């Protein structure tokens, strides 16, 4: 997949970038790479939303946290969290939407659980439970959440550039194109 010059320019000129997509799709890795290349701070929402033991933050408190985060001068924000997209989309200058087949997301989650077994993750609490509700969310993401994300982008940020990456090769192409543009260091 060829990444357009327009997409590269949009990312290079942006100080606030959202990275959205299903669990296990590679959002966090992409965010870390972009953070290094574009010299922007990475904000991993999983690390802020989930408390130890994977206890979620109450929604009113979560919206306050997100409201505070989006006021920062610059960021690359990793995490879909549909309940706060109405706050985050208008604050973004560019959006990257990662999509991949369900099996790929499921494999990404399983792989991550083995890599970080009994170790803290750099982007979230340790020992994420993989239960039926979580697997259902991943399985239904393309039909439900991806559609909702597209609708929310159209509603809250119709003029914000959106870069869609639909497989690992497109992610690699984006990273390579940004590195070749001369605006960053090796990821």
N, C-alpha and C. Protein backbone atom coordinates (compact mmCIF):
# COMPACT_ATOMS: atom_id res chain seq x y z
N UNK A 1 0.84 -1.18 0.00
CA UNK A 1 0.00 0.00 0.00
C UNK A 1 0.88 1.25 0.00
N UNK A 2 0.58 2.16 -0.86
CA UNK A 2 1.30 3.43 -0.92
C UNK A 2 0.58 4.45 -0.06
N UNK A 3 1.34 5.11 0.78
CA UNK A 3 0.79 6.15 1.63
C UNK A 3 0.94 7.48 0.89
N UNK A 4 -0.13 8.23 0.79
CA UNK A 4 -0.10 9.47 0.01
C UNK A 4 0.76 10.54 0.67
N UNK A 5 1.31 11.40 -0.15
CA UNK A 5 2.09 12.55 0.35
C UNK A 5 1.21 13.43 1.24
N UNK A 6 -0.05 13.53 0.88
CA UNK A 6 -1.00 14.32 1.65
C UNK A 6 -1.14 13.76 3.08
N UNK A 7 -1.20 12.44 3.21
CA UNK A 7 -1.29 11.81 4.53
C UNK A 7 -0.03 12.06 5.34
N UNK A 8 1.12 11.92 4.71
CA UNK A 8 2.40 12.16 5.40
C UNK A 8 2.47 13.61 5.87
N UNK A 9 2.13 14.54 4.98
CA UNK A 9 2.16 15.96 5.34
C UNK A 9 1.20 16.27 6.49
N UNK A 10 0.02 15.64 6.46
CA UNK A 10 -0.96 15.85 7.54
C UNK A 10 -0.38 15.42 8.88
N UNK A 11 0.30 14.28 8.91
CA UNK A 11 0.87 13.80 10.17
C UNK A 11 2.04 14.67 10.61
N UNK A 12 2.90 15.04 9.68
CA UNK A 12 4.07 15.85 10.02
C UNK A 12 3.64 17.20 10.59
N UNK A 13 2.58 17.76 10.08
CA UNK A 13 2.15 19.08 10.53
C UNK A 13 1.23 19.03 11.76
N UNK A 14 0.84 17.85 12.19
CA UNK A 14 -0.09 17.72 13.31
C UNK A 14 0.63 17.62 14.64
N UNK A 15 0.05 18.23 15.64
CA UNK A 15 0.56 18.16 17.01
C UNK A 15 -0.33 17.31 17.91
N UNK A 16 -1.51 16.93 17.38
CA UNK A 16 -2.45 16.11 18.14
C UNK A 16 -3.02 15.05 17.20
N UNK A 17 -2.66 13.81 17.46
CA UNK A 17 -3.04 12.72 16.57
C UNK A 17 -3.74 11.63 17.37
N UNK A 18 -4.90 11.20 16.89
CA UNK A 18 -5.61 10.06 17.49
C UNK A 18 -5.26 8.80 16.72
N UNK A 19 -5.05 7.70 17.44
CA UNK A 19 -4.86 6.39 16.82
C UNK A 19 -5.97 5.50 17.35
N UNK A 20 -6.86 5.10 16.45
CA UNK A 20 -8.06 4.34 16.80
C UNK A 20 -8.04 2.99 16.10
N UNK A 21 -8.72 2.02 16.69
CA UNK A 21 -8.83 0.71 16.06
C UNK A 21 -9.12 -0.36 17.10
N UNK A 22 -9.31 -1.59 16.63
CA UNK A 22 -9.66 -2.68 17.56
C UNK A 22 -8.50 -3.09 18.45
N UNK A 23 -8.83 -3.72 19.55
CA UNK A 23 -7.83 -4.28 20.45
C UNK A 23 -6.97 -5.26 19.66
N UNK A 24 -5.68 -5.25 19.90
CA UNK A 24 -4.79 -6.20 19.26
C UNK A 24 -4.40 -5.87 17.83
N UNK A 25 -4.77 -4.68 17.35
CA UNK A 25 -4.49 -4.33 15.96
C UNK A 25 -3.13 -3.68 15.73
N UNK A 26 -2.44 -3.35 16.80
CA UNK A 26 -1.13 -2.71 16.66
C UNK A 26 -1.12 -1.22 16.92
N UNK A 27 -2.20 -0.70 17.52
CA UNK A 27 -2.30 0.74 17.79
C UNK A 27 -1.17 1.23 18.71
N UNK A 28 -0.91 0.49 19.75
CA UNK A 28 0.07 0.94 20.73
C UNK A 28 1.47 0.94 20.14
N UNK A 29 1.81 -0.08 19.43
CA UNK A 29 3.13 -0.14 18.78
C UNK A 29 3.26 1.01 17.78
N UNK A 30 2.24 1.22 16.98
CA UNK A 30 2.25 2.32 16.03
C UNK A 30 2.40 3.66 16.75
N UNK A 31 1.68 3.83 17.84
CA UNK A 31 1.77 5.07 18.61
C UNK A 31 3.18 5.30 19.13
N UNK A 32 3.82 4.27 19.64
CA UNK A 32 5.20 4.41 20.13
C UNK A 32 6.14 4.80 18.99
N UNK A 33 5.97 4.18 17.82
CA UNK A 33 6.82 4.51 16.68
C UNK A 33 6.59 5.96 16.23
N UNK A 34 5.33 6.35 16.13
CA UNK A 34 5.02 7.72 15.71
C UNK A 34 5.55 8.74 16.72
N UNK A 35 5.46 8.40 17.99
CA UNK A 35 5.96 9.28 19.04
C UNK A 35 7.45 9.57 18.83
N UNK A 36 8.22 8.54 18.52
CA UNK A 36 9.65 8.72 18.28
C UNK A 36 9.91 9.50 16.99
N UNK A 37 9.21 9.13 15.94
CA UNK A 37 9.45 9.75 14.64
C UNK A 37 9.03 11.22 14.62
N UNK A 38 7.87 11.51 15.17
CA UNK A 38 7.31 12.86 15.12
C UNK A 38 7.66 13.70 16.35
N UNK A 39 8.34 13.09 17.31
CA UNK A 39 8.74 13.76 18.54
C UNK A 39 7.53 14.38 19.26
N UNK A 40 6.50 13.55 19.42
CA UNK A 40 5.29 13.94 20.15
C UNK A 40 5.09 12.96 21.31
N UNK A 41 4.57 13.44 22.43
CA UNK A 41 4.35 12.52 23.56
C UNK A 41 3.22 11.53 23.28
N UNK A 42 3.45 10.28 23.65
CA UNK A 42 2.44 9.23 23.49
C UNK A 42 1.57 9.18 24.74
N UNK A 43 0.26 9.18 24.54
CA UNK A 43 -0.69 9.03 25.63
C UNK A 43 -1.47 7.75 25.39
N UNK A 44 -1.20 6.74 26.19
CA UNK A 44 -1.88 5.45 26.07
C UNK A 44 -3.08 5.46 27.02
N UNK A 45 -4.27 5.49 26.45
CA UNK A 45 -5.47 5.62 27.28
C UNK A 45 -5.70 4.42 28.19
N UNK A 46 -5.28 3.23 27.75
CA UNK A 46 -5.43 2.06 28.62
C UNK A 46 -4.73 2.28 29.96
N UNK A 47 -3.58 2.94 29.94
CA UNK A 47 -2.82 3.17 31.17
C UNK A 47 -3.52 4.13 32.11
N UNK A 48 -4.41 4.93 31.58
CA UNK A 48 -5.12 5.90 32.41
C UNK A 48 -6.52 5.44 32.82
N UNK A 49 -7.17 4.67 31.95
CA UNK A 49 -8.54 4.23 32.22
C UNK A 49 -8.59 3.05 33.20
N UNK A 50 -7.65 2.12 33.04
CA UNK A 50 -7.67 0.90 33.85
C UNK A 50 -6.81 1.05 35.09
N UNK A 51 -7.41 0.70 36.20
CA UNK A 51 -6.70 0.69 37.47
C UNK A 51 -6.14 -0.71 37.70
N UNK A 52 -5.24 -0.87 38.66
CA UNK A 52 -4.70 -2.21 38.92
C UNK A 52 -5.82 -3.24 39.07
N UNK A 53 -5.59 -4.40 38.53
CA UNK A 53 -6.59 -5.46 38.54
C UNK A 53 -7.62 -5.28 37.43
N UNK A 54 -7.34 -4.37 36.53
CA UNK A 54 -8.21 -4.07 35.39
C UNK A 54 -9.61 -3.66 35.84
N UNK A 55 -9.61 -2.76 36.82
CA UNK A 55 -10.85 -2.15 37.28
C UNK A 55 -11.00 -0.83 36.51
N UNK A 56 -12.13 -0.64 35.87
CA UNK A 56 -12.31 0.56 35.05
C UNK A 56 -12.62 1.79 35.89
N UNK A 57 -12.25 2.92 35.34
CA UNK A 57 -12.53 4.20 35.98
C UNK A 57 -14.01 4.55 35.73
N UNK A 58 -14.70 5.12 36.69
CA UNK A 58 -16.09 5.55 36.46
C UNK A 58 -16.16 6.58 35.33
N UNK A 59 -17.21 6.51 34.51
CA UNK A 59 -17.33 7.36 33.33
C UNK A 59 -17.22 8.87 33.63
N UNK A 60 -17.89 9.40 34.63
CA UNK A 60 -17.75 10.85 34.87
C UNK A 60 -16.29 11.26 35.13
N UNK A 61 -15.60 10.45 35.92
CA UNK A 61 -14.19 10.73 36.21
C UNK A 61 -13.35 10.56 34.94
N UNK A 62 -13.66 9.55 34.13
CA UNK A 62 -12.93 9.29 32.90
C UNK A 62 -13.05 10.48 31.93
N UNK A 63 -14.25 11.00 31.79
CA UNK A 63 -14.44 12.16 30.91
C UNK A 63 -13.64 13.37 31.39
N UNK A 64 -13.52 13.54 32.69
CA UNK A 64 -12.70 14.64 33.24
C UNK A 64 -11.22 14.42 32.92
N UNK A 65 -10.77 13.19 33.07
CA UNK A 65 -9.37 12.87 32.74
C UNK A 65 -9.10 13.16 31.27
N UNK A 66 -9.97 12.69 30.39
CA UNK A 66 -9.79 12.90 28.96
C UNK A 66 -9.86 14.39 28.62
N UNK A 67 -10.78 15.11 29.23
CA UNK A 67 -10.88 16.56 29.01
C UNK A 67 -9.57 17.25 29.35
N UNK A 68 -8.92 16.80 30.39
CA UNK A 68 -7.63 17.36 30.78
C UNK A 68 -6.53 16.98 29.78
N UNK A 69 -6.51 15.72 29.36
CA UNK A 69 -5.48 15.24 28.43
C UNK A 69 -5.52 15.97 27.09
N UNK A 70 -6.70 16.21 26.57
CA UNK A 70 -6.80 16.82 25.24
C UNK A 70 -6.36 18.28 25.25
N UNK A 71 -6.26 18.88 26.41
CA UNK A 71 -5.81 20.27 26.50
C UNK A 71 -4.30 20.42 26.38
N UNK A 72 -3.59 19.29 26.47
CA UNK A 72 -2.14 19.36 26.31
C UNK A 72 -1.81 19.86 24.91
N UNK A 73 -0.69 20.53 24.80
CA UNK A 73 -0.29 21.15 23.54
C UNK A 73 -0.10 20.13 22.41
N UNK A 74 0.47 18.98 22.75
CA UNK A 74 0.72 17.99 21.71
C UNK A 74 0.59 16.59 22.29
N UNK A 75 0.20 15.65 21.41
CA UNK A 75 0.05 14.25 21.82
C UNK A 75 -0.24 13.35 20.62
N UNK A 76 0.06 12.09 20.85
CA UNK A 76 -0.46 11.01 20.01
C UNK A 76 -1.22 10.13 20.98
N UNK A 77 -2.52 10.04 20.80
CA UNK A 77 -3.39 9.39 21.77
C UNK A 77 -3.87 8.04 21.21
N UNK A 78 -3.54 7.00 21.94
CA UNK A 78 -3.80 5.62 21.53
C UNK A 78 -4.95 5.05 22.33
N UNK A 79 -6.03 4.68 21.65
CA UNK A 79 -7.16 4.04 22.30
C UNK A 79 -8.47 4.51 21.69
N UNK A 80 -9.37 3.58 21.47
CA UNK A 80 -10.63 3.95 20.82
C UNK A 80 -11.59 4.58 21.82
N UNK A 81 -11.92 3.92 22.90
CA UNK A 81 -12.78 4.47 23.95
C UNK A 81 -13.88 5.35 23.37
N UNK A 82 -14.86 4.70 22.79
CA UNK A 82 -15.94 5.38 22.09
C UNK A 82 -16.63 6.45 22.92
N UNK A 83 -16.72 6.24 24.23
CA UNK A 83 -17.46 7.17 25.09
C UNK A 83 -16.84 8.55 25.19
N UNK A 84 -15.59 8.70 24.74
CA UNK A 84 -14.95 10.02 24.80
C UNK A 84 -14.53 10.53 23.42
N UNK A 85 -14.93 9.86 22.37
CA UNK A 85 -14.56 10.34 21.03
C UNK A 85 -15.17 11.71 20.74
N UNK A 86 -16.32 12.01 21.31
CA UNK A 86 -16.92 13.33 21.10
C UNK A 86 -16.04 14.44 21.64
N UNK A 87 -15.19 14.15 22.62
CA UNK A 87 -14.24 15.11 23.17
C UNK A 87 -12.94 15.12 22.38
N UNK A 88 -12.47 13.93 22.02
CA UNK A 88 -11.13 13.79 21.44
C UNK A 88 -11.07 14.12 19.95
N UNK A 89 -12.09 13.76 19.20
CA UNK A 89 -12.04 14.02 17.75
C UNK A 89 -11.90 15.51 17.45
N UNK A 90 -12.72 16.39 18.03
CA UNK A 90 -12.57 17.81 17.70
C UNK A 90 -11.21 18.39 18.12
N UNK A 91 -10.55 17.77 19.09
CA UNK A 91 -9.25 18.26 19.55
C UNK A 91 -8.10 17.76 18.67
N UNK A 92 -8.35 16.74 17.86
CA UNK A 92 -7.31 16.15 17.03
C UNK A 92 -7.08 16.96 15.76
N UNK A 93 -5.86 16.88 15.27
CA UNK A 93 -5.50 17.50 13.99
C UNK A 93 -5.36 16.46 12.89
N UNK A 94 -5.23 15.20 13.29
CA UNK A 94 -5.18 14.08 12.34
C UNK A 94 -5.65 12.83 13.09
N UNK A 95 -6.22 11.90 12.34
CA UNK A 95 -6.72 10.65 12.93
C UNK A 95 -6.19 9.50 12.09
N UNK A 96 -5.67 8.50 12.78
CA UNK A 96 -5.27 7.26 12.11
C UNK A 96 -6.24 6.18 12.58
N UNK A 97 -6.87 5.51 11.63
CA UNK A 97 -7.78 4.42 11.94
C UNK A 97 -7.12 3.12 11.46
N UNK A 98 -6.81 2.26 12.43
CA UNK A 98 -6.22 0.96 12.12
C UNK A 98 -7.35 -0.05 12.07
N UNK A 99 -7.42 -0.80 11.01
CA UNK A 99 -8.41 -1.88 10.95
C UNK A 99 -7.69 -3.13 10.47
N UNK A 100 -8.19 -4.25 10.88
CA UNK A 100 -7.60 -5.52 10.47
C UNK A 100 -8.65 -6.61 10.64
N UNK A 101 -8.42 -7.75 10.04
CA UNK A 101 -9.38 -8.83 10.20
C UNK A 101 -9.52 -9.24 11.67
N UNK A 102 -10.68 -9.76 12.00
CA UNK A 102 -10.93 -10.18 13.39
C UNK A 102 -9.88 -11.14 13.90
N UNK A 103 -9.53 -12.11 13.09
CA UNK A 103 -8.57 -13.12 13.53
C UNK A 103 -7.23 -12.48 13.87
N UNK A 104 -6.86 -11.43 13.13
CA UNK A 104 -5.60 -10.75 13.39
C UNK A 104 -5.64 -10.02 14.73
N UNK A 105 -6.76 -9.36 15.03
CA UNK A 105 -6.90 -8.69 16.33
C UNK A 105 -6.88 -9.70 17.47
N UNK A 106 -7.60 -10.79 17.29
CA UNK A 106 -7.62 -11.83 18.33
C UNK A 106 -6.22 -12.39 18.55
N UNK A 107 -5.51 -12.64 17.46
CA UNK A 107 -4.15 -13.16 17.58
C UNK A 107 -3.27 -12.12 18.28
N UNK A 108 -3.43 -10.84 17.96
CA UNK A 108 -2.65 -9.79 18.60
C UNK A 108 -2.85 -9.75 20.10
N UNK A 109 -4.08 -9.95 20.53
CA UNK A 109 -4.39 -9.95 21.97
C UNK A 109 -3.78 -11.18 22.64
N UNK A 110 -3.91 -12.34 22.02
CA UNK A 110 -3.34 -13.57 22.60
C UNK A 110 -1.82 -13.45 22.66
N UNK A 111 -1.21 -12.98 21.58
CA UNK A 111 0.24 -12.82 21.52
C UNK A 111 0.71 -11.88 22.62
N UNK A 112 0.03 -10.75 22.77
CA UNK A 112 0.39 -9.78 23.80
C UNK A 112 0.28 -10.39 25.19
N UNK A 113 -0.74 -11.22 25.40
CA UNK A 113 -0.91 -11.82 26.74
C UNK A 113 0.25 -12.74 27.08
N UNK A 114 0.83 -13.40 26.08
CA UNK A 114 2.01 -14.25 26.33
C UNK A 114 3.26 -13.41 26.53
N UNK A 115 3.42 -12.36 25.73
CA UNK A 115 4.60 -11.51 25.84
C UNK A 115 4.68 -10.86 27.21
N UNK A 116 3.54 -10.40 27.71
CA UNK A 116 3.52 -9.67 28.98
C UNK A 116 3.01 -10.50 30.14
N UNK A 117 3.03 -11.80 30.00
CA UNK A 117 2.59 -12.67 31.09
C UNK A 117 3.45 -12.39 32.33
N UNK A 118 2.80 -12.01 33.41
CA UNK A 118 3.45 -11.71 34.69
C UNK A 118 4.44 -10.55 34.62
N UNK A 119 4.30 -9.70 33.62
CA UNK A 119 5.16 -8.52 33.51
C UNK A 119 4.26 -7.30 33.26
N UNK A 120 4.69 -6.14 33.74
CA UNK A 120 3.91 -4.95 33.46
C UNK A 120 4.00 -4.57 31.98
N UNK A 121 2.92 -4.06 31.45
CA UNK A 121 2.91 -3.56 30.08
C UNK A 121 3.31 -2.09 30.11
N UNK A 122 3.91 -1.61 29.03
CA UNK A 122 4.28 -0.20 29.00
C UNK A 122 3.07 0.73 28.84
N UNK A 123 1.93 0.17 28.44
CA UNK A 123 0.77 0.98 28.10
C UNK A 123 -0.47 0.67 28.91
N UNK A 124 -0.38 -0.25 29.86
CA UNK A 124 -1.57 -0.67 30.60
C UNK A 124 -1.15 -1.50 31.82
N UNK A 125 -2.09 -1.72 32.74
CA UNK A 125 -1.78 -2.59 33.88
C UNK A 125 -1.41 -4.01 33.42
N UNK A 126 -0.73 -4.71 34.28
CA UNK A 126 -0.33 -6.08 33.97
C UNK A 126 -1.53 -7.02 34.02
N UNK A 127 -1.36 -8.16 33.39
CA UNK A 127 -2.30 -9.29 33.47
C UNK A 127 -3.73 -8.94 33.05
N UNK A 128 -3.86 -8.46 31.84
CA UNK A 128 -5.18 -8.15 31.32
C UNK A 128 -6.01 -9.43 31.21
N UNK A 129 -7.21 -9.43 31.78
CA UNK A 129 -8.05 -10.62 31.64
C UNK A 129 -8.61 -10.72 30.22
N UNK A 130 -8.60 -11.92 29.72
CA UNK A 130 -9.19 -12.17 28.40
C UNK A 130 -10.42 -13.03 28.64
N UNK A 131 -11.55 -12.35 28.79
CA UNK A 131 -12.79 -13.07 29.07
C UNK A 131 -13.70 -13.04 27.85
N UNK A 132 -14.85 -13.68 27.97
CA UNK A 132 -15.78 -13.78 26.85
C UNK A 132 -16.27 -12.41 26.38
N UNK A 133 -16.53 -11.50 27.31
CA UNK A 133 -17.01 -10.16 26.93
C UNK A 133 -15.96 -9.42 26.10
N UNK A 134 -14.70 -9.55 26.47
CA UNK A 134 -13.60 -8.90 25.75
C UNK A 134 -13.46 -9.51 24.34
N UNK A 135 -13.52 -10.81 24.26
CA UNK A 135 -13.42 -11.48 22.96
C UNK A 135 -14.61 -11.12 22.05
N UNK A 136 -15.80 -11.01 22.64
CA UNK A 136 -16.98 -10.59 21.88
C UNK A 136 -16.82 -9.18 21.34
N UNK A 137 -16.29 -8.28 22.16
CA UNK A 137 -16.07 -6.90 21.73
C UNK A 137 -15.14 -6.89 20.50
N UNK A 138 -14.07 -7.65 20.56
CA UNK A 138 -13.13 -7.72 19.43
C UNK A 138 -13.83 -8.30 18.21
N UNK A 139 -14.57 -9.37 18.40
CA UNK A 139 -15.23 -10.04 17.27
C UNK A 139 -16.26 -9.12 16.60
N UNK A 140 -16.99 -8.36 17.42
CA UNK A 140 -18.04 -7.49 16.88
C UNK A 140 -17.52 -6.11 16.45
N UNK A 141 -16.27 -5.83 16.70
CA UNK A 141 -15.72 -4.51 16.41
C UNK A 141 -15.97 -4.06 14.96
N UNK A 142 -15.67 -4.88 13.95
CA UNK A 142 -15.87 -4.39 12.57
C UNK A 142 -17.31 -3.99 12.26
N UNK A 143 -18.27 -4.74 12.77
CA UNK A 143 -19.67 -4.48 12.45
C UNK A 143 -20.29 -3.40 13.33
N UNK A 144 -19.79 -3.25 14.54
CA UNK A 144 -20.41 -2.30 15.47
C UNK A 144 -19.52 -1.08 15.73
N UNK A 145 -18.40 -1.31 16.35
CA UNK A 145 -17.57 -0.20 16.81
C UNK A 145 -16.96 0.57 15.65
N UNK A 146 -16.47 -0.12 14.64
CA UNK A 146 -15.86 0.57 13.50
C UNK A 146 -16.87 1.49 12.82
N UNK A 147 -18.11 1.03 12.73
CA UNK A 147 -19.17 1.85 12.13
C UNK A 147 -19.42 3.07 13.01
N UNK A 148 -19.50 2.88 14.31
CA UNK A 148 -19.71 3.99 15.24
C UNK A 148 -18.56 4.98 15.16
N UNK A 149 -17.34 4.50 15.12
CA UNK A 149 -16.17 5.38 15.03
C UNK A 149 -16.26 6.24 13.77
N UNK A 150 -16.59 5.63 12.64
CA UNK A 150 -16.73 6.40 11.39
C UNK A 150 -17.82 7.46 11.51
N UNK A 151 -18.93 7.10 12.11
CA UNK A 151 -20.03 8.07 12.30
C UNK A 151 -19.59 9.23 13.20
N UNK A 152 -18.86 8.92 14.26
CA UNK A 152 -18.42 9.96 15.18
C UNK A 152 -17.37 10.87 14.54
N UNK A 153 -16.50 10.31 13.72
CA UNK A 153 -15.53 11.14 13.00
C UNK A 153 -16.27 12.08 12.06
N UNK A 154 -17.25 11.57 11.35
CA UNK A 154 -18.03 12.41 10.44
C UNK A 154 -18.78 13.50 11.19
N UNK A 155 -19.30 13.16 12.36
CA UNK A 155 -20.07 14.13 13.15
C UNK A 155 -19.20 15.19 13.82
N UNK A 156 -18.09 14.75 14.42
CA UNK A 156 -17.29 15.66 15.26
C UNK A 156 -16.03 16.18 14.59
N UNK A 157 -15.66 15.63 13.42
CA UNK A 157 -14.43 16.09 12.77
C UNK A 157 -14.43 15.84 11.28
N UNK A 158 -15.46 16.30 10.59
CA UNK A 158 -15.54 15.99 9.16
C UNK A 158 -14.39 16.54 8.33
N UNK A 159 -13.69 17.56 8.83
CA UNK A 159 -12.60 18.16 8.07
C UNK A 159 -11.22 17.72 8.55
N UNK A 160 -11.18 16.83 9.53
CA UNK A 160 -9.91 16.34 10.05
C UNK A 160 -9.39 15.24 9.12
N UNK A 161 -8.11 15.31 8.71
CA UNK A 161 -7.57 14.25 7.86
C UNK A 161 -7.60 12.90 8.57
N UNK A 162 -8.05 11.88 7.86
CA UNK A 162 -8.13 10.52 8.39
C UNK A 162 -7.27 9.63 7.52
N UNK A 163 -6.33 8.93 8.15
CA UNK A 163 -5.47 7.98 7.45
C UNK A 163 -5.93 6.59 7.87
N UNK A 164 -6.32 5.79 6.91
CA UNK A 164 -6.83 4.45 7.19
C UNK A 164 -5.76 3.41 6.84
N UNK A 165 -5.45 2.58 7.83
CA UNK A 165 -4.45 1.53 7.65
C UNK A 165 -5.16 0.20 7.86
N UNK A 166 -5.16 -0.64 6.83
CA UNK A 166 -5.99 -1.84 6.91
C UNK A 166 -5.23 -3.15 7.04
N UNK A 167 -3.93 -3.08 7.25
CA UNK A 167 -3.16 -4.31 7.49
C UNK A 167 -1.77 -3.93 7.99
N UNK A 168 -1.02 -4.91 8.50
CA UNK A 168 0.33 -4.60 9.02
C UNK A 168 1.24 -3.97 7.96
N UNK A 169 1.10 -4.36 6.71
CA UNK A 169 1.94 -3.77 5.66
C UNK A 169 1.67 -2.28 5.50
N UNK A 170 0.41 -1.87 5.64
CA UNK A 170 0.10 -0.44 5.51
C UNK A 170 0.69 0.34 6.69
N UNK A 171 0.76 -0.28 7.86
CA UNK A 171 1.40 0.36 9.01
C UNK A 171 2.89 0.53 8.73
N UNK A 172 3.52 -0.53 8.25
CA UNK A 172 4.95 -0.46 7.90
C UNK A 172 5.19 0.59 6.82
N UNK A 173 4.30 0.67 5.83
CA UNK A 173 4.45 1.67 4.76
C UNK A 173 4.39 3.09 5.31
N UNK A 174 3.47 3.31 6.25
CA UNK A 174 3.36 4.63 6.86
C UNK A 174 4.64 4.99 7.60
N UNK A 175 5.14 4.08 8.41
CA UNK A 175 6.36 4.33 9.18
C UNK A 175 7.53 4.59 8.23
N UNK A 176 7.66 3.77 7.21
CA UNK A 176 8.76 3.96 6.23
C UNK A 176 8.64 5.30 5.54
N UNK A 177 7.43 5.67 5.11
CA UNK A 177 7.24 6.93 4.42
C UNK A 177 7.60 8.11 5.32
N UNK A 178 7.23 8.04 6.59
CA UNK A 178 7.57 9.12 7.52
C UNK A 178 9.08 9.20 7.73
N UNK A 179 9.74 8.04 7.85
CA UNK A 179 11.19 8.04 8.03
C UNK A 179 11.88 8.59 6.78
N UNK A 180 11.39 8.21 5.61
CA UNK A 180 12.00 8.68 4.37
C UNK A 180 11.77 10.17 4.14
N UNK A 181 10.73 10.71 4.77
CA UNK A 181 10.45 12.13 4.61
C UNK A 181 11.51 13.00 5.29
N UNK A 182 12.35 12.35 6.11
CA UNK A 182 13.39 13.10 6.78
C UNK A 182 12.94 13.79 8.04
N UNK A 183 11.76 13.45 8.52
CA UNK A 183 11.20 14.10 9.70
C UNK A 183 11.17 13.16 10.89
N UNK A 184 12.28 12.57 11.20
CA UNK A 184 12.26 11.72 12.37
C UNK A 184 13.46 10.82 12.43
N UNK A 185 13.50 10.00 13.45
CA UNK A 185 14.58 9.05 13.66
C UNK A 185 14.05 7.67 13.36
N UNK A 186 14.92 6.72 13.28
CA UNK A 186 14.51 5.34 13.02
C UNK A 186 13.65 4.83 14.16
N UNK A 187 12.60 4.11 13.81
CA UNK A 187 11.70 3.57 14.83
C UNK A 187 12.12 2.20 15.26
